[in-house]
């Protein structure tokens, strides 16, 4: 409501969270997808000219899980500071969960020009049913953003917010975070160990934080939609990008499925990956190339005795 009109240019990561892209489109935005690689949004491919908004998930890119490095964060901020550029919307949806390495400073924490709108949520760490999130906006947006929020829904219920504020101020919230971080890290570790046990060296992104990993499938696997189908038939939920609330997934070049682990016990995680391994093995057996019984064998190489050619082969 504040920044987008018909024809407004909005940059999104490609792929990105479908819900955000649909909201922008509903207000008439002209979406400009910028590709994502193993280090997040590729800032070298940001467009020229005026742009009202850049939507990004730098801490744990959705859906790939990539973390935007400091060098790219600084380049993105420099790009946004050029004339005709608007704001960066930093969606830090699961910033509470960092499993390995030091947390990278948020774009908002690096911003000295007032270019970043920071968006967070309590849905991941406390529960989606609360419907509580927050914005940290540049000073000039405080008043208009408050007015628009009031027009949208007259504000969230005050009691939920007051209880959450007391939970935070008492220190109990941070104790809670420490506990659930440990639980999530253990479940992530079990997931990675199980994948390696059954599939060997696997290509994963998003392991450093968050609540899901992206598994980039090797060439001899079923395609993501088929793997999703095979897993579901065995009672296991993993998700191709097309069924993971992802926008622009058709342009992403890797065969990828998403594996969430935050709400599943370690035992169930291990059992689930074992079931997927069985499903993949059966699929491979059914799809193994076979010679037709009437297919003639190729002739031996000219000038080489048949027995020698056979042994060389």
C-alpha atoms as a PDB file:
ATOM      1  CA  UNK A   1       0.000   0.000   0.000  1.00  0.00           C
ATOM      2  CA  UNK A   2       2.835   2.398   0.800  1.00  0.00           C
ATOM      3  CA  UNK A   3       5.290   1.816  -2.029  1.00  0.00           C
ATOM      4  CA  UNK A   4       3.587   0.005  -4.919  1.00  0.00           C
ATOM      5  CA  UNK A   5       1.216   1.182  -7.640  1.00  0.00           C
ATOM      6  CA  UNK A   6       0.351  -0.172 -11.090  1.00  0.00           C
ATOM      7  CA  UNK A   7       3.573  -0.577 -13.028  1.00  0.00           C
ATOM      8  CA  UNK A   8       5.907  -0.081 -10.056  1.00  0.00           C
ATOM      9  CA  UNK A   9       9.158  -1.974 -10.618  1.00  0.00           C
ATOM     10  CA  UNK A  10       9.871  -4.458  -7.828  1.00  0.00           C
ATOM     11  CA  UNK A  11      12.931  -6.711  -7.781  1.00  0.00           C
ATOM     12  CA  UNK A  12      12.520 -10.208  -6.343  1.00  0.00           C
ATOM     13  CA  UNK A  13      14.952 -13.043  -5.895  1.00  0.00           C
ATOM     14  CA  UNK A  14      14.460 -15.869  -8.376  1.00  0.00           C
ATOM     15  CA  UNK A  15      13.236 -18.150  -6.984  1.00  0.00           C
ATOM     16  CA  UNK A  16      11.603 -16.461  -3.999  1.00  0.00           C
ATOM     17  CA  UNK A  17       8.760 -16.829  -1.518  1.00  0.00           C
ATOM     18  CA  UNK A  18       5.500 -17.038  -3.456  1.00  0.00           C
ATOM     19  CA  UNK A  19       3.427 -15.214  -0.840  1.00  0.00           C
ATOM     20  CA  UNK A  20       5.522 -12.058  -1.134  1.00  0.00           C
ATOM     21  CA  UNK A  21       5.504 -12.074  -4.936  1.00  0.00           C
ATOM     22  CA  UNK A  22       1.714 -12.510  -5.014  1.00  0.00           C
ATOM     23  CA  UNK A  23       1.209  -9.577  -2.623  1.00  0.00           C
ATOM     24  CA  UNK A  24       3.337  -7.322  -4.834  1.00  0.00           C
ATOM     25  CA  UNK A  25       1.474  -8.462  -7.954  1.00  0.00           C
ATOM     26  CA  UNK A  26      -1.883  -7.829  -6.292  1.00  0.00           C
ATOM     27  CA  UNK A  27      -0.971  -4.126  -6.077  1.00  0.00           C
ATOM     28  CA  UNK A  28       0.063  -4.004  -9.731  1.00  0.00           C
ATOM     29  CA  UNK A  29       3.828  -4.375  -9.399  1.00  0.00           C
ATOM     30  CA  UNK A  30       5.994  -5.184 -12.389  1.00  0.00           C
ATOM     31  CA  UNK A  31       8.174  -7.969 -10.959  1.00  0.00           C
ATOM     32  CA  UNK A  32      11.812  -8.158 -12.054  1.00  0.00           C
ATOM     33  CA  UNK A  33      13.312 -11.552 -11.105  1.00  0.00           C
ATOM     34  CA  UNK A  34      17.043 -11.585 -10.316  1.00  0.00           C
ATOM     35  CA  UNK A  35      18.675 -15.027 -10.175  1.00  0.00           C
ATOM     36  CA  UNK A  36      19.966 -16.659  -7.017  1.00  0.00           C
ATOM     37  CA  UNK A  37      23.147 -18.726  -6.813  1.00  0.00           C
ATOM     38  CA  UNK A  38      24.936 -20.497  -3.979  1.00  0.00           C
ATOM     39  CA  UNK A  39      25.583 -17.159  -2.241  1.00  0.00           C
ATOM     40  CA  UNK A  40      22.126 -15.636  -2.505  1.00  0.00           C
ATOM     41  CA  UNK A  41      20.864 -12.965  -4.869  1.00  0.00           C
ATOM     42  CA  UNK A  42      23.346 -12.184  -7.662  1.00  0.00           C
ATOM     43  CA  UNK A  43      23.772  -8.437  -7.168  1.00  0.00           C
ATOM     44  CA  UNK A  44      25.743  -8.134 -10.421  1.00  0.00           C
ATOM     45  CA  UNK A  45      22.474  -8.816 -12.263  1.00  0.00           C
ATOM     46  CA  UNK A  46      20.369  -6.149 -10.561  1.00  0.00           C
ATOM     47  CA  UNK A  47      18.601  -3.965 -13.138  1.00  0.00           C
ATOM     48  CA  UNK A  48      19.468  -0.442 -14.184  1.00  0.00           C
ATOM     49  CA  UNK A  49      17.010   2.392 -13.803  1.00  0.00           C
ATOM     50  CA  UNK A  50      14.464   3.208 -11.107  1.00  0.00           C
ATOM     51  CA  UNK A  51      13.201   0.469  -8.786  1.00  0.00           C
ATOM     52  CA  UNK A  52      10.772   1.039  -5.921  1.00  0.00           C
ATOM     53  CA  UNK A  53      11.519  -2.067  -3.863  1.00  0.00           C
ATOM     54  CA  UNK A  54      13.943  -4.988  -3.664  1.00  0.00           C
ATOM     55  CA  UNK A  55      12.602  -8.025  -1.810  1.00  0.00           C
ATOM     56  CA  UNK A  56      15.333 -10.259  -0.369  1.00  0.00           C
ATOM     57  CA  UNK A  57      15.857 -12.979   2.253  1.00  0.00           C
ATOM     58  CA  UNK A  58      19.604 -12.619   2.878  1.00  0.00           C
ATOM     59  CA  UNK A  59      20.028 -14.610   6.107  1.00  0.00           C
ATOM     60  CA  UNK A  60      18.504 -17.842   4.768  1.00  0.00           C
ATOM     61  CA  UNK A  61      17.313 -17.379   1.223  1.00  0.00           C
ATOM     62  CA  UNK A  62      13.942 -18.922   0.529  1.00  0.00           C
ATOM     63  CA  UNK A  63      13.889 -21.523  -0.903  1.00  0.00           C
ATOM     64  CA  UNK A  64      17.595 -22.315  -1.483  1.00  0.00           C
ATOM     65  CA  UNK A  65      18.817 -21.512   2.044  1.00  0.00           C
ATOM     66  CA  UNK A  66      21.843 -19.543   0.798  1.00  0.00           C
ATOM     67  CA  UNK A  67      23.344 -16.862   3.060  1.00  0.00           C
ATOM     68  CA  UNK A  68      24.219 -13.564   1.400  1.00  0.00           C
ATOM     69  CA  UNK A  69      27.884 -12.769   2.211  1.00  0.00           C
ATOM     70  CA  UNK A  70      28.993  -9.414   3.571  1.00  0.00           C
ATOM     71  CA  UNK A  71      30.563  -8.313   0.288  1.00  0.00           C
ATOM     72  CA  UNK A  72      27.273  -8.752  -1.574  1.00  0.00           C
ATOM     73  CA  UNK A  73      25.329  -7.037   1.204  1.00  0.00           C
ATOM     74  CA  UNK A  74      27.486  -3.950   0.887  1.00  0.00           C
ATOM     75  CA  UNK A  75      27.158  -3.960  -2.907  1.00  0.00           C
ATOM     76  CA  UNK A  76      23.380  -4.259  -2.629  1.00  0.00           C
ATOM     77  CA  UNK A  77      23.269  -1.274  -0.270  1.00  0.00           C
ATOM     78  CA  UNK A  78      25.439   0.745  -2.673  1.00  0.00           C
ATOM     79  CA  UNK A  79      23.152  -0.172  -5.555  1.00  0.00           C
ATOM     80  CA  UNK A  80      20.062   0.926  -3.582  1.00  0.00           C
ATOM     81  CA  UNK A  81      21.666   4.299  -2.807  1.00  0.00           C
ATOM     82  CA  UNK A  82      21.761   5.341  -6.495  1.00  0.00           C
ATOM     83  CA  UNK A  83      19.263   7.978  -7.714  1.00  0.00           C
ATOM     84  CA  UNK A  84      15.831   6.598  -8.547  1.00  0.00           C
ATOM     85  CA  UNK A  85      16.174   3.577  -6.288  1.00  0.00           C
ATOM     86  CA  UNK A  86      13.752   2.878  -3.475  1.00  0.00           C
ATOM     87  CA  UNK A  87      13.942   0.567  -0.463  1.00  0.00           C
ATOM     88  CA  UNK A  88      15.271  -2.888   0.292  1.00  0.00           C
ATOM     89  CA  UNK A  89      12.725  -5.089   2.071  1.00  0.00           C
ATOM     90  CA  UNK A  90      14.775  -7.492   4.206  1.00  0.00           C
ATOM     91  CA  UNK A  91      12.625 -10.494   5.148  1.00  0.00           C
ATOM     92  CA  UNK A  92      14.509 -12.121   8.037  1.00  0.00           C
ATOM     93  CA  UNK A  93      11.906 -14.821   8.534  1.00  0.00           C
ATOM     94  CA  UNK A  94      14.011 -17.366  10.463  1.00  0.00           C
ATOM     95  CA  UNK A  95      16.918 -15.294  11.731  1.00  0.00           C
ATOM     96  CA  UNK A  96      16.566 -16.840  15.204  1.00  0.00           C
ATOM     97  CA  UNK A  97      18.100 -20.088  13.949  1.00  0.00           C
ATOM     98  CA  UNK A  98      21.803 -19.982  13.133  1.00  0.00           C
ATOM     99  CA  UNK A  99      23.419 -23.400  13.541  1.00  0.00           C
ATOM    100  CA  UNK A 100      27.011 -22.959  12.364  1.00  0.00           C
ATOM    101  CA  UNK A 101      29.348 -20.016  11.972  1.00  0.00           C
ATOM    102  CA  UNK A 102      28.910 -16.469  13.172  1.00  0.00           C
ATOM    103  CA  UNK A 103      25.709 -14.636  12.212  1.00  0.00           C
ATOM    104  CA  UNK A 104      26.181 -12.166   9.377  1.00  0.00           C
ATOM    105  CA  UNK A 105      25.091  -8.626  10.241  1.00  0.00           C
ATOM    106  CA  UNK A 106      21.640  -7.879   8.865  1.00  0.00           C
ATOM    107  CA  UNK A 107      21.348  -5.460   5.973  1.00  0.00           C
ATOM    108  CA  UNK A 108      19.506  -3.151   8.363  1.00  0.00           C
ATOM    109  CA  UNK A 109      22.499  -3.194  10.692  1.00  0.00           C
ATOM    110  CA  UNK A 110      24.798  -2.144   7.831  1.00  0.00           C
ATOM    111  CA  UNK A 111      22.479   0.526   6.479  1.00  0.00           C
ATOM    112  CA  UNK A 112      23.567   4.111   7.163  1.00  0.00           C
ATOM    113  CA  UNK A 113      21.413   5.700   4.453  1.00  0.00           C
ATOM    114  CA  UNK A 114      17.920   4.649   5.531  1.00  0.00           C
ATOM    115  CA  UNK A 115      17.466   2.259   2.612  1.00  0.00           C
ATOM    116  CA  UNK A 116      16.307  -0.898   4.442  1.00  0.00           C
ATOM    117  CA  UNK A 117      12.933  -1.972   5.783  1.00  0.00           C
ATOM    118  CA  UNK A 118      13.542  -4.888   8.145  1.00  0.00           C
ATOM    119  CA  UNK A 119      10.796  -7.478   8.600  1.00  0.00           C
ATOM    120  CA  UNK A 120      10.753 -10.219  11.243  1.00  0.00           C
ATOM    121  CA  UNK A 121       8.301 -12.678  12.725  1.00  0.00           C
ATOM    122  CA  UNK A 122       7.584 -14.724  15.832  1.00  0.00           C
ATOM    123  CA  UNK A 123       5.884 -17.427  13.772  1.00  0.00           C
ATOM    124  CA  UNK A 124       8.969 -19.656  13.616  1.00  0.00           C
ATOM    125  CA  UNK A 125      10.184 -19.392  17.191  1.00  0.00           C
ATOM    126  CA  UNK A 126       6.835 -19.310  19.032  1.00  0.00           C
ATOM    127  CA  UNK A 127       4.042 -20.360  16.701  1.00  0.00           C
ATOM    128  CA  UNK A 128       2.323 -19.216  13.524  1.00  0.00           C
ATOM    129  CA  UNK A 129      -1.013 -19.017  15.336  1.00  0.00           C
ATOM    130  CA  UNK A 130       0.118 -15.858  17.144  1.00  0.00           C
ATOM    131  CA  UNK A 131       0.136 -13.946  13.827  1.00  0.00           C
ATOM    132  CA  UNK A 132       2.717 -11.535  15.230  1.00  0.00           C
ATOM    133  CA  UNK A 133       5.544  -9.940  13.296  1.00  0.00           C
ATOM    134  CA  UNK A 134       7.308  -6.620  13.220  1.00  0.00           C
ATOM    135  CA  UNK A 135       8.853  -3.973  10.972  1.00  0.00           C
ATOM    136  CA  UNK A 136      11.838  -1.732  11.545  1.00  0.00           C
ATOM    137  CA  UNK A 137      11.433   1.120   9.064  1.00  0.00           C
ATOM    138  CA  UNK A 138      13.399   4.245   8.144  1.00  0.00           C
ATOM    139  CA  UNK A 139      12.298   7.228  10.200  1.00  0.00           C
ATOM    140  CA  UNK A 140      10.413   8.920   7.364  1.00  0.00           C
ATOM    141  CA  UNK A 141       8.189   5.843   6.944  1.00  0.00           C
ATOM    142  CA  UNK A 142       7.108   5.469  10.580  1.00  0.00           C
ATOM    143  CA  UNK A 143       4.071   7.726  10.382  1.00  0.00           C
ATOM    144  CA  UNK A 144       2.719   6.635   6.967  1.00  0.00           C
ATOM    145  CA  UNK A 145       3.373   2.944   7.739  1.00  0.00           C
ATOM    146  CA  UNK A 146       1.495   3.257  11.030  1.00  0.00           C
ATOM    147  CA  UNK A 147      -1.423   4.970   9.280  1.00  0.00           C
ATOM    148  CA  UNK A 148      -1.645   2.281   6.593  1.00  0.00           C
ATOM    149  CA  UNK A 149      -1.433  -0.527   9.157  1.00  0.00           C
ATOM    150  CA  UNK A 150      -4.316   1.087  11.059  1.00  0.00           C
ATOM    151  CA  UNK A 151      -6.402   1.276   7.886  1.00  0.00           C
ATOM    152  CA  UNK A 152      -5.692  -2.370   7.058  1.00  0.00           C
ATOM    153  CA  UNK A 153      -6.827  -4.011  10.311  1.00  0.00           C
ATOM    154  CA  UNK A 154      -6.838  -1.465  13.166  1.00  0.00           C
ATOM    155  CA  UNK A 155      -3.825  -3.254  14.651  1.00  0.00           C
ATOM    156  CA  UNK A 156      -3.269  -6.685  16.146  1.00  0.00           C
ATOM    157  CA  UNK A 157      -4.920  -7.730  19.443  1.00  0.00           C
ATOM    158  CA  UNK A 158      -3.210  -5.819  22.260  1.00  0.00           C
ATOM    159  CA  UNK A 159      -3.247  -8.676  24.789  1.00  0.00           C
ATOM    160  CA  UNK A 160      -1.099 -11.011  22.664  1.00  0.00           C
ATOM    161  CA  UNK A 161       1.431  -8.230  22.155  1.00  0.00           C
ATOM    162  CA  UNK A 162       1.508  -7.293  25.849  1.00  0.00           C
ATOM    163  CA  UNK A 163       2.102 -10.901  26.902  1.00  0.00           C
ATOM    164  CA  UNK A 164       4.862 -11.319  24.315  1.00  0.00           C
ATOM    165  CA  UNK A 165       6.514  -8.085  25.468  1.00  0.00           C
ATOM    166  CA  UNK A 166       6.535  -9.364  29.042  1.00  0.00           C
ATOM    167  CA  UNK A 167       7.900 -12.731  27.868  1.00  0.00           C
ATOM    168  CA  UNK A 168      10.792 -10.918  26.157  1.00  0.00           C
ATOM    169  CA  UNK A 169      11.468  -8.453  28.978  1.00  0.00           C
ATOM    170  CA  UNK A 170      11.569 -11.214  31.593  1.00  0.00           C
ATOM    171  CA  UNK A 171      14.398 -13.024  29.807  1.00  0.00           C
ATOM    172  CA  UNK A 172      12.302 -16.182  29.391  1.00  0.00           C
ATOM    173  CA  UNK A 173      12.059 -15.672  25.626  1.00  0.00           C
ATOM    174  CA  UNK A 174      15.844 -15.916  25.184  1.00  0.00           C
ATOM    175  CA  UNK A 175      16.001 -19.051  27.349  1.00  0.00           C
ATOM    176  CA  UNK A 176      13.309 -20.513  25.110  1.00  0.00           C
ATOM    177  CA  UNK A 177      15.318 -19.596  22.003  1.00  0.00           C
ATOM    178  CA  UNK A 178      18.433 -21.339  23.317  1.00  0.00           C
ATOM    179  CA  UNK A 179      16.483 -24.550  23.915  1.00  0.00           C
ATOM    180  CA  UNK A 180      14.756 -24.685  20.559  1.00  0.00           C
ATOM    181  CA  UNK A 181      17.962 -23.801  18.724  1.00  0.00           C
ATOM    182  CA  UNK A 182      19.612 -26.853  20.251  1.00  0.00           C
ATOM    183  CA  UNK A 183      16.652 -29.029  19.261  1.00  0.00           C
ATOM    184  CA  UNK A 184      16.669 -27.731  15.687  1.00  0.00           C
ATOM    185  CA  UNK A 185      20.427 -28.144  15.338  1.00  0.00           C
ATOM    186  CA  UNK A 186      20.231 -31.767  16.530  1.00  0.00           C
ATOM    187  CA  UNK A 187      17.442 -32.498  14.062  1.00  0.00           C
ATOM    188  CA  UNK A 188      19.362 -30.843  11.246  1.00  0.00           C
ATOM    189  CA  UNK A 189      22.415 -32.944  12.090  1.00  0.00           C
ATOM    190  CA  UNK A 190      20.371 -36.143  12.089  1.00  0.00           C
ATOM    191  CA  UNK A 191      18.876 -35.231   8.724  1.00  0.00           C
ATOM    192  CA  UNK A 192      22.283 -34.602   7.150  1.00  0.00           C
ATOM    193  CA  UNK A 193      23.743 -37.789   8.671  1.00  0.00           C
ATOM    194  CA  UNK A 194      20.793 -39.828   7.391  1.00  0.00           C
ATOM    195  CA  UNK A 195      21.095 -38.419   3.872  1.00  0.00           C
ATOM    196  CA  UNK A 196      24.814 -39.225   3.786  1.00  0.00           C
ATOM    197  CA  UNK A 197      24.245 -42.701   5.197  1.00  0.00           C
ATOM    198  CA  UNK A 198      21.793 -43.644   2.446  1.00  0.00           C
ATOM    199  CA  UNK A 199      22.949 -41.508  -0.490  1.00  0.00           C
ATOM    200  CA  UNK A 200      26.639 -40.811   0.110  1.00  0.00           C
ATOM    201  CA  UNK A 201      27.907 -37.356  -0.758  1.00  0.00           C
ATOM    202  CA  UNK A 202      24.827 -35.147  -1.098  1.00  0.00           C
ATOM    203  CA  UNK A 203      24.625 -31.572  -2.348  1.00  0.00           C
ATOM    204  CA  UNK A 204      22.811 -29.466   0.245  1.00  0.00           C
ATOM    205  CA  UNK A 205      22.350 -25.739   0.730  1.00  0.00           C
ATOM    206  CA  UNK A 206      20.925 -23.907   3.717  1.00  0.00           C
ATOM    207  CA  UNK A 207      22.642 -26.032   6.369  1.00  0.00           C
ATOM    208  CA  UNK A 208      24.056 -23.055   8.268  1.00  0.00           C
ATOM    209  CA  UNK A 209      20.718 -21.908   9.644  1.00  0.00           C
ATOM    210  CA  UNK A 210      16.975 -21.868   9.357  1.00  0.00           C
ATOM    211  CA  UNK A 211      14.524 -24.750   9.566  1.00  0.00           C
ATOM    212  CA  UNK A 212      14.930 -26.465   6.198  1.00  0.00           C
ATOM    213  CA  UNK A 213      17.631 -27.517   3.757  1.00  0.00           C
ATOM    214  CA  UNK A 214      17.540 -27.643  -0.020  1.00  0.00           C
ATOM    215  CA  UNK A 215      18.693 -30.934  -1.521  1.00  0.00           C
ATOM    216  CA  UNK A 216      20.074 -30.603  -5.055  1.00  0.00           C
ATOM    217  CA  UNK A 217      19.479 -33.952  -6.713  1.00  0.00           C
ATOM    218  CA  UNK A 218      22.078 -35.826  -8.780  1.00  0.00           C
ATOM    219  CA  UNK A 219      21.385 -36.732 -12.442  1.00  0.00           C
ATOM    220  CA  UNK A 220      20.515 -40.379 -11.747  1.00  0.00           C
ATOM    221  CA  UNK A 221      17.589 -39.461  -9.466  1.00  0.00           C
ATOM    222  CA  UNK A 222      13.941 -39.085 -10.361  1.00  0.00           C
ATOM    223  CA  UNK A 223      12.990 -35.483 -11.077  1.00  0.00           C
ATOM    224  CA  UNK A 224      11.818 -33.445  -8.053  1.00  0.00           C
ATOM    225  CA  UNK A 225       8.082 -33.864  -8.703  1.00  0.00           C
ATOM    226  CA  UNK A 226       8.494 -37.621  -9.128  1.00  0.00           C
ATOM    227  CA  UNK A 227      10.633 -37.908  -5.994  1.00  0.00           C
ATOM    228  CA  UNK A 228       7.996 -35.975  -4.069  1.00  0.00           C
ATOM    229  CA  UNK A 229       5.370 -38.420  -5.341  1.00  0.00           C
ATOM    230  CA  UNK A 230       7.458 -41.493  -4.473  1.00  0.00           C
ATOM    231  CA  UNK A 231       8.174 -40.187  -0.972  1.00  0.00           C
ATOM    232  CA  UNK A 232       4.536 -39.300  -0.319  1.00  0.00           C
ATOM    233  CA  UNK A 233       3.500 -42.826  -1.302  1.00  0.00           C
ATOM    234  CA  UNK A 234       5.674 -43.995   1.596  1.00  0.00           C
ATOM    235  CA  UNK A 235       4.314 -41.421   4.038  1.00  0.00           C
ATOM    236  CA  UNK A 236       7.193 -38.938   3.776  1.00  0.00           C
ATOM    237  CA  UNK A 237       6.758 -35.239   3.029  1.00  0.00           C
ATOM    238  CA  UNK A 238       9.464 -33.593   0.969  1.00  0.00           C
ATOM    239  CA  UNK A 239       8.648 -30.863  -1.495  1.00  0.00           C
ATOM    240  CA  UNK A 240       9.582 -29.952  -5.029  1.00  0.00           C
ATOM    241  CA  UNK A 241       9.912 -26.217  -5.582  1.00  0.00           C
ATOM    242  CA  UNK A 242       6.651 -26.213  -7.505  1.00  0.00           C
ATOM    243  CA  UNK A 243       4.793 -27.310  -4.363  1.00  0.00           C
ATOM    244  CA  UNK A 244       6.787 -25.285  -1.804  1.00  0.00           C
ATOM    245  CA  UNK A 245       5.153 -21.849  -2.185  1.00  0.00           C
ATOM    246  CA  UNK A 246       7.981 -20.770  -4.469  1.00  0.00           C
ATOM    247  CA  UNK A 247       7.745 -18.107  -7.159  1.00  0.00           C
ATOM    248  CA  UNK A 248       9.932 -18.291 -10.276  1.00  0.00           C
ATOM    249  CA  UNK A 249      11.044 -21.860  -9.582  1.00  0.00           C
ATOM    250  CA  UNK A 250      10.702 -22.778 -13.283  1.00  0.00           C
ATOM    251  CA  UNK A 251      13.729 -20.575 -14.025  1.00  0.00           C
ATOM    252  CA  UNK A 252      15.926 -22.216 -11.390  1.00  0.00           C
ATOM    253  CA  UNK A 253      18.407 -24.533 -13.062  1.00  0.00           C
ATOM    254  CA  UNK A 254      18.901 -27.169 -10.354  1.00  0.00           C
ATOM    255  CA  UNK A 255      16.674 -30.156  -9.579  1.00  0.00           C
ATOM    256  CA  UNK A 256      15.888 -29.369  -5.953  1.00  0.00           C
ATOM    257  CA  UNK A 257      13.615 -30.551  -3.163  1.00  0.00           C
ATOM    258  CA  UNK A 258      13.100 -28.974   0.251  1.00  0.00           C
ATOM    259  CA  UNK A 259      13.383 -30.904   3.510  1.00  0.00           C
ATOM    260  CA  UNK A 260      11.963 -29.356   6.680  1.00  0.00           C
ATOM    261  CA  UNK A 261      13.130 -30.745  10.011  1.00  0.00           C
ATOM    262  CA  UNK A 262      12.062 -28.408  12.808  1.00  0.00           C
ATOM    263  CA  UNK A 263       8.877 -30.230  13.824  1.00  0.00           C
ATOM    264  CA  UNK A 264       9.940 -33.866  13.373  1.00  0.00           C
ATOM    265  CA  UNK A 265      11.742 -36.041  15.899  1.00  0.00           C
ATOM    266  CA  UNK A 266      15.207 -37.341  15.084  1.00  0.00           C
ATOM    267  CA  UNK A 267      13.889 -40.913  14.962  1.00  0.00           C
ATOM    268  CA  UNK A 268      11.195 -39.947  12.451  1.00  0.00           C
ATOM    269  CA  UNK A 269      13.728 -38.056  10.356  1.00  0.00           C
ATOM    270  CA  UNK A 270      15.983 -41.104  10.127  1.00  0.00           C
ATOM    271  CA  UNK A 271      13.072 -43.392   9.336  1.00  0.00           C
ATOM    272  CA  UNK A 272      11.773 -40.999   6.683  1.00  0.00           C
ATOM    273  CA  UNK A 273      15.084 -40.778   4.829  1.00  0.00           C
ATOM    274  CA  UNK A 274      15.400 -44.580   4.937  1.00  0.00           C
ATOM    275  CA  UNK A 275      11.978 -44.833   3.273  1.00  0.00           C
ATOM    276  CA  UNK A 276      13.031 -42.358   0.592  1.00  0.00           C
ATOM    277  CA  UNK A 277      16.159 -44.448  -0.053  1.00  0.00           C
ATOM    278  CA  UNK A 278      14.040 -47.546  -0.602  1.00  0.00           C
ATOM    279  CA  UNK A 279      11.740 -45.633  -2.943  1.00  0.00           C
ATOM    280  CA  UNK A 280      14.677 -44.318  -4.993  1.00  0.00           C
ATOM    281  CA  UNK A 281      16.250 -47.804  -5.210  1.00  0.00           C
ATOM    282  CA  UNK A 282      12.978 -49.286  -6.490  1.00  0.00           C
ATOM    283  CA  UNK A 283      12.608 -46.463  -9.014  1.00  0.00           C
ATOM    284  CA  UNK A 284      16.122 -47.122 -10.294  1.00  0.00           C
ATOM    285  CA  UNK A 285      15.406 -50.826 -10.707  1.00  0.00           C
ATOM    286  CA  UNK A 286      12.243 -50.124 -12.655  1.00  0.00           C
ATOM    287  CA  UNK A 287      13.942 -47.538 -14.869  1.00  0.00           C
ATOM    288  CA  UNK A 288      17.246 -49.321 -15.504  1.00  0.00           C
ATOM    289  CA  UNK A 289      17.923 -49.490 -19.279  1.00  0.00           C
ATOM    290  CA  UNK A 290      17.569 -53.027 -20.631  1.00  0.00           C
ATOM    291  CA  UNK A 291      18.672 -54.618 -23.896  1.00  0.00           C
ATOM    292  CA  UNK A 292      15.799 -56.043 -25.907  1.00  0.00           C
ATOM    293  CA  UNK A 293      16.311 -59.833 -26.233  1.00  0.00           C
ATOM    294  CA  UNK A 294      16.415 -59.509 -30.025  1.00  0.00           C
ATOM    295  CA  UNK A 295      18.879 -56.606 -30.088  1.00  0.00           C
ATOM    296  CA  UNK A 296      22.051 -57.765 -31.918  1.00  0.00           C
ATOM    297  CA  UNK A 297      25.366 -57.245 -30.157  1.00  0.00           C
ATOM    298  CA  UNK A 298      27.693 -54.688 -31.764  1.00  0.00           C
ATOM    299  CA  UNK A 299      30.376 -56.213 -34.078  1.00  0.00           C
ATOM    300  CA  UNK A 300      33.920 -56.557 -32.705  1.00  0.00           C
ATOM    301  CA  UNK A 301      36.354 -53.753 -33.426  1.00  0.00           C
ATOM    302  CA  UNK A 302      38.066 -54.282 -36.787  1.00  0.00           C
ATOM    303  CA  UNK A 303      41.519 -55.822 -36.568  1.00  0.00           C
ATOM    304  CA  UNK A 304      41.174 -56.843 -32.918  1.00  0.00           C
ATOM    305  CA  UNK A 305      40.268 -60.428 -31.941  1.00  0.00           C
ATOM    306  CA  UNK A 306      36.865 -60.753 -30.314  1.00  0.00           C
ATOM    307  CA  UNK A 307      38.267 -62.099 -27.038  1.00  0.00           C
ATOM    308  CA  UNK A 308      40.675 -59.139 -26.726  1.00  0.00           C
ATOM    309  CA  UNK A 309      37.983 -56.573 -27.421  1.00  0.00           C
ATOM    310  CA  UNK A 310      35.797 -58.214 -24.815  1.00  0.00           C
ATOM    311  CA  UNK A 311      38.484 -58.197 -22.158  1.00  0.00           C
ATOM    312  CA  UNK A 312      39.308 -54.547 -22.874  1.00  0.00           C
ATOM    313  CA  UNK A 313      35.653 -53.620 -22.521  1.00  0.00           C
END
